[in-house]
Protein backbone atom coordinates (compact mmCIF):
# COMPACT_ATOMS: atom_id res chain seq x y z
CA UNK A 1 115.61 74.71 281.07
CA UNK A 2 114.96 77.94 279.09
CA UNK A 3 117.55 79.83 277.25
CA UNK A 4 117.39 82.77 279.69
CA UNK A 5 118.00 80.47 282.67
CA UNK A 6 120.93 78.78 281.01
CA UNK A 7 122.49 82.21 280.34
CA UNK A 8 121.84 83.35 283.79
CA UNK A 9 123.51 80.22 285.13
CA UNK A 10 126.60 80.82 283.04
CA UNK A 11 127.01 84.27 284.24
CA UNK A 12 126.65 83.32 287.89
CA UNK A 13 130.14 83.16 289.52
CA UNK A 14 129.09 81.14 292.53
CA UNK A 15 128.05 77.96 290.78
CA UNK A 16 129.42 75.03 292.50
CA UNK A 17 129.74 71.24 291.98
CA UNK A 18 127.76 68.94 294.37
CA UNK A 19 127.52 65.32 295.03
CA UNK A 20 124.33 63.30 294.73
CA UNK A 21 122.35 64.00 298.06
CA UNK A 22 123.84 67.41 298.64
CA UNK A 23 122.02 69.14 295.74
CA UNK A 24 118.53 69.56 297.18
CA UNK A 25 117.52 72.15 299.75
CA UNK A 26 115.55 70.35 302.54
CA UNK A 27 112.87 72.06 304.62
CA UNK A 28 111.66 70.21 307.53
CA UNK A 29 108.02 70.43 309.04
CA UNK A 30 107.62 68.96 312.62
CA UNK A 31 104.14 68.77 314.24
CA UNK A 32 103.61 68.93 317.85
CA UNK A 33 102.36 65.87 319.67
CA UNK A 34 102.50 66.74 323.29
CA UNK A 35 99.45 66.31 325.64
CA UNK A 36 97.55 64.20 323.20
CA UNK A 37 97.97 60.77 325.19
CA UNK A 38 97.51 60.47 328.79
CA UNK A 39 100.69 60.22 330.79
CA UNK A 40 104.06 61.89 330.76
CA UNK A 41 106.27 61.01 327.72
CA UNK A 42 103.61 59.10 325.83
CA UNK A 43 102.19 59.57 322.43
CA UNK A 44 99.18 58.42 320.49
CA UNK A 45 100.53 57.02 317.18
CA UNK A 46 99.69 59.04 314.04
CA UNK A 47 98.09 61.91 315.93
CA UNK A 48 99.40 65.54 316.03
CA UNK A 49 98.32 69.00 316.64
CA UNK A 50 97.68 71.31 313.62
CA UNK A 51 100.59 73.35 314.69
CA UNK A 52 104.37 73.09 315.07
CA UNK A 53 107.73 74.27 313.54
CA UNK A 54 109.45 74.62 310.21
CA UNK A 55 113.10 74.64 309.80
CA UNK A 56 115.64 74.45 306.95
CA UNK A 57 118.32 71.75 307.13
CA UNK A 58 121.94 72.57 307.09
CA UNK A 59 123.65 72.44 303.64
CA UNK A 60 127.24 73.40 303.11
CA UNK A 61 127.11 73.32 299.31
CA UNK A 62 124.43 75.87 299.32
CA UNK A 63 125.92 77.76 302.16
CA UNK A 64 122.77 77.27 304.29
CA UNK A 65 123.27 77.21 308.09
CA UNK A 66 120.17 76.09 309.80
CA UNK A 67 118.86 79.35 311.38
CA UNK A 68 115.88 79.89 313.66
CA UNK A 69 112.76 77.88 313.38
CA UNK A 70 109.47 79.35 312.39
CA UNK A 71 106.22 78.34 314.15
CA UNK A 72 102.94 77.81 312.56
CA UNK A 73 99.59 77.60 314.46
CA UNK A 74 97.43 76.19 311.60
CA UNK A 75 97.95 74.30 308.41
CA UNK A 76 96.86 77.47 306.65
CA UNK A 77 99.95 79.23 308.14
CA UNK A 78 102.31 76.47 306.84
CA UNK A 79 103.03 78.00 303.36
CA UNK A 80 103.88 81.31 304.96
CA UNK A 81 106.04 79.61 307.55
CA UNK A 82 108.04 77.82 304.69
CA UNK A 83 108.36 81.08 302.87
CA UNK A 84 109.77 82.91 306.06
CA UNK A 85 112.43 80.12 306.56
CA UNK A 86 113.52 80.25 302.94
CA UNK A 87 113.82 84.19 302.99
CA UNK A 88 115.71 84.13 306.30
CA UNK A 89 118.29 81.77 304.69
CA UNK A 90 118.49 83.74 301.32
CA UNK A 91 116.99 81.03 299.27
CA UNK A 92 115.57 82.19 295.98
CA UNK A 93 112.80 80.05 294.33
CA UNK A 94 112.64 80.09 290.52
CA UNK A 95 109.44 79.33 288.79
CA UNK A 96 108.93 75.73 287.60
CA UNK A 97 107.65 74.90 284.16
CA UNK A 98 104.11 74.47 285.47
CA UNK A 99 104.29 77.84 287.39
CA UNK A 100 105.25 79.47 284.06
CA UNK A 101 101.80 78.59 282.71
CA UNK A 102 100.05 80.84 285.11
CA UNK A 103 102.70 83.43 285.91
CA UNK A 104 102.68 86.70 283.99
CA UNK A 105 105.78 88.31 282.47
CA UNK A 106 106.82 91.48 284.19
CA UNK A 107 105.89 94.75 282.48
CA UNK A 108 108.64 97.27 282.58
């Protein structure tokens, strides 16, 4: 963790302790499987449409309540759907070490 990030966390008044298993923010992607197999209530194993829903799981430690789901109609729309779910729930994504290799510093 960079010095700037550590300093930011020290200043943050809402830092909380969390047990193992409660620290991660979980986003769930679900693909539609309806009308692939013949017959009502039947599925063809390991087959799904290229569309579905994205939702965020409830997490009390992070103050996340599972709000509305976001549909996607193509795998190309999946990153945008994930982004919408995160924004709607107030989740801020910090750049990882790898991302810092290609992100530019802000110019004031």
